[in-house]
Amino acid sequence: MYAEAWAHWRALNRMVTREGFTVARRAGPGVHPALKASLEVLGHLRLLGAELGLSPSARSRLRVPVRPSSSSAKLDAFLLKHGDDG
């Protein structure tokens, strides 16, 4: 989803760069629809980036439960039985 949103944002950004921020309307110049769409997609990118931990602050909020693997459990059982003297 993130890559697709990024591709949409890039395409919209290129369009705005090529055509300008405003468009001619009967009532006078108005904001280019691609600019509005690009800002909306940018907001989605920020939300997705936060969920995926794509910034240092977003990474600090991620909580990933750690399950011991079966090999870790076997090691713990071995150490309990035979000691941890090294």
C-alpha atoms as a PDB file:
ATOM      1  CA  MET A   1       0.000   0.000   0.000  1.00  0.00           C
ATOM      2  CA  TYR A   2       2.792   2.401   0.858  1.00  0.00           C
ATOM      3  CA  ALA A   3       4.569   1.931  -2.481  1.00  0.00           C
ATOM      4  CA  GLU A   4       1.328   2.411  -4.387  1.00  0.00           C
ATOM      5  CA  ALA A   5       0.508   5.597  -2.452  1.00  0.00           C
ATOM      6  CA  TRP A   6       4.055   6.851  -3.099  1.00  0.00           C
ATOM      7  CA  ALA A   7       3.639   6.240  -6.843  1.00  0.00           C
ATOM      8  CA  HIS A   8       0.318   8.151  -6.835  1.00  0.00           C
ATOM      9  CA  TRP A   9       1.889  11.046  -4.948  1.00  0.00           C
ATOM     10  CA  ARG A  10       4.826  11.204  -7.373  1.00  0.00           C
ATOM     11  CA  ALA A  11       2.497  11.272 -10.387  1.00  0.00           C
ATOM     12  CA  LEU A  12       0.329  13.995  -8.850  1.00  0.00           C
ATOM     13  CA  ASN A  13       3.388  15.994  -7.822  1.00  0.00           C
ATOM     14  CA  ARG A  14       4.776  15.841 -11.379  1.00  0.00           C
ATOM     15  CA  MET A  15       1.426  17.020 -12.740  1.00  0.00           C
ATOM     16  CA  VAL A  16       1.332  19.985 -10.363  1.00  0.00           C
ATOM     17  CA  THR A  17       4.949  20.838 -11.170  1.00  0.00           C
ATOM     18  CA  ARG A  18       4.186  20.738 -14.897  1.00  0.00           C
ATOM     19  CA  GLU A  19       0.803  22.528 -14.824  1.00  0.00           C
ATOM     20  CA  GLY A  20       1.120  24.826 -11.808  1.00  0.00           C
ATOM     21  CA  PHE A  21      -0.688  25.211  -8.502  1.00  0.00           C
ATOM     22  CA  THR A  22      -3.752  26.912  -9.946  1.00  0.00           C
ATOM     23  CA  VAL A  23      -6.202  26.273 -12.768  1.00  0.00           C
ATOM     24  CA  ALA A  24      -8.419  28.720 -14.646  1.00  0.00           C
ATOM     25  CA  ARG A  25     -12.099  28.590 -13.717  1.00  0.00           C
ATOM     26  CA  ARG A  26     -15.114  30.694 -14.609  1.00  0.00           C
ATOM     27  CA  ALA A  27     -14.994  32.354 -11.190  1.00  0.00           C
ATOM     28  CA  GLY A  28     -11.239  32.959 -11.436  1.00  0.00           C
ATOM     29  CA  PRO A  29      -8.135  30.954 -10.603  1.00  0.00           C
ATOM     30  CA  GLY A  30      -8.580  27.974  -8.315  1.00  0.00           C
ATOM     31  CA  VAL A  31      -6.426  25.365  -6.645  1.00  0.00           C
ATOM     32  CA  HIS A  32      -5.364  22.612  -9.023  1.00  0.00           C
ATOM     33  CA  PRO A  33      -7.312  19.407  -8.211  1.00  0.00           C
ATOM     34  CA  ALA A  34      -4.067  17.406  -8.449  1.00  0.00           C
ATOM     35  CA  LEU A  35      -2.598  19.586  -5.686  1.00  0.00           C
ATOM     36  CA  LYS A  36      -5.520  18.798  -3.397  1.00  0.00           C
ATOM     37  CA  ALA A  37      -5.223  15.094  -4.214  1.00  0.00           C
ATOM     38  CA  SER A  38      -1.458  15.160  -3.680  1.00  0.00           C
ATOM     39  CA  LEU A  39      -1.884  16.681  -0.213  1.00  0.00           C
ATOM     40  CA  GLU A  40      -4.459  14.011   0.646  1.00  0.00           C
ATOM     41  CA  VAL A  41      -2.169  11.207  -0.523  1.00  0.00           C
ATOM     42  CA  LEU A  42       0.704  12.778   1.416  1.00  0.00           C
ATOM     43  CA  GLY A  43      -1.425  12.560   4.563  1.00  0.00           C
ATOM     44  CA  HIS A  44      -2.027   8.862   3.865  1.00  0.00           C
ATOM     45  CA  LEU A  45       1.714   8.355   3.367  1.00  0.00           C
ATOM     46  CA  ARG A  46       2.400   9.904   6.752  1.00  0.00           C
ATOM     47  CA  LEU A  47      -0.137   7.637   8.449  1.00  0.00           C
ATOM     48  CA  LEU A  48       1.143   4.521   6.706  1.00  0.00           C
ATOM     49  CA  GLY A  49       4.730   5.506   7.460  1.00  0.00           C
ATOM     50  CA  ALA A  50       3.894   5.859  11.147  1.00  0.00           C
ATOM     51  CA  GLU A  51       2.227   2.439  11.194  1.00  0.00           C
ATOM     52  CA  LEU A  52       5.217   0.884   9.463  1.00  0.00           C
ATOM     53  CA  GLY A  53       7.780   2.586  11.706  1.00  0.00           C
ATOM     54  CA  LEU A  54       9.426   4.569   8.893  1.00  0.00           C
ATOM     55  CA  SER A  55      10.674   7.386  11.131  1.00  0.00           C
ATOM     56  CA  PRO A  56      12.696   7.287  14.347  1.00  0.00           C
ATOM     57  CA  SER A  57       9.760   8.493  16.434  1.00  0.00           C
ATOM     58  CA  ALA A  58       7.391   5.980  14.792  1.00  0.00           C
ATOM     59  CA  ARG A  59       9.892   3.174  15.423  1.00  0.00           C
ATOM     60  CA  SER A  60      10.025   4.074  19.108  1.00  0.00           C
ATOM     61  CA  ARG A  61       6.229   3.581  19.347  1.00  0.00           C
ATOM     62  CA  LEU A  62       6.220   0.151  17.697  1.00  0.00           C
ATOM     63  CA  ARG A  63       5.510  -2.713  20.060  1.00  0.00           C
ATOM     64  CA  VAL A  64       6.387  -6.110  18.651  1.00  0.00           C
ATOM     65  CA  PRO A  65       5.740  -9.059  20.939  1.00  0.00           C
ATOM     66  CA  VAL A  66       8.703 -11.397  21.176  1.00  0.00           C
ATOM     67  CA  ARG A  67       7.888 -15.075  21.305  1.00  0.00           C
ATOM     68  CA  PRO A  68      10.705 -17.366  22.261  1.00  0.00           C
ATOM     69  CA  SER A  69      11.541 -19.744  19.481  1.00  0.00           C
ATOM     70  CA  SER A  70      11.515 -23.464  20.097  1.00  0.00           C
ATOM     71  CA  SER A  71      15.318 -23.523  19.946  1.00  0.00           C
ATOM     72  CA  SER A  72      15.442 -20.808  22.612  1.00  0.00           C
ATOM     73  CA  ALA A  73      13.110 -22.840  24.829  1.00  0.00           C
ATOM     74  CA  LYS A  74      15.296 -25.914  24.326  1.00  0.00           C
ATOM     75  CA  LEU A  75      18.388 -23.903  25.267  1.00  0.00           C
ATOM     76  CA  ASP A  76      16.684 -22.595  28.411  1.00  0.00           C
ATOM     77  CA  ALA A  77      15.689 -26.137  29.390  1.00  0.00           C
ATOM     78  CA  PHE A  78      19.247 -27.393  28.813  1.00  0.00           C
ATOM     79  CA  LEU A  79      20.733 -24.577  30.906  1.00  0.00           C
ATOM     80  CA  LEU A  80      18.283 -25.259  33.727  1.00  0.00           C
ATOM     81  CA  LYS A  81      19.196 -28.942  33.712  1.00  0.00           C
ATOM     82  CA  HIS A  82      22.976 -28.622  33.268  1.00  0.00           C
ATOM     83  CA  GLY A  83      23.701 -25.225  34.768  1.00  0.00           C
ATOM     84  CA  ASP A  84      24.986 -21.992  33.290  1.00  0.00           C
ATOM     85  CA  ASP A  85      28.604 -22.161  34.490  1.00  0.00           C
ATOM     86  CA  GLY A  86      30.120 -21.616  31.070  1.00  0.00           C
END
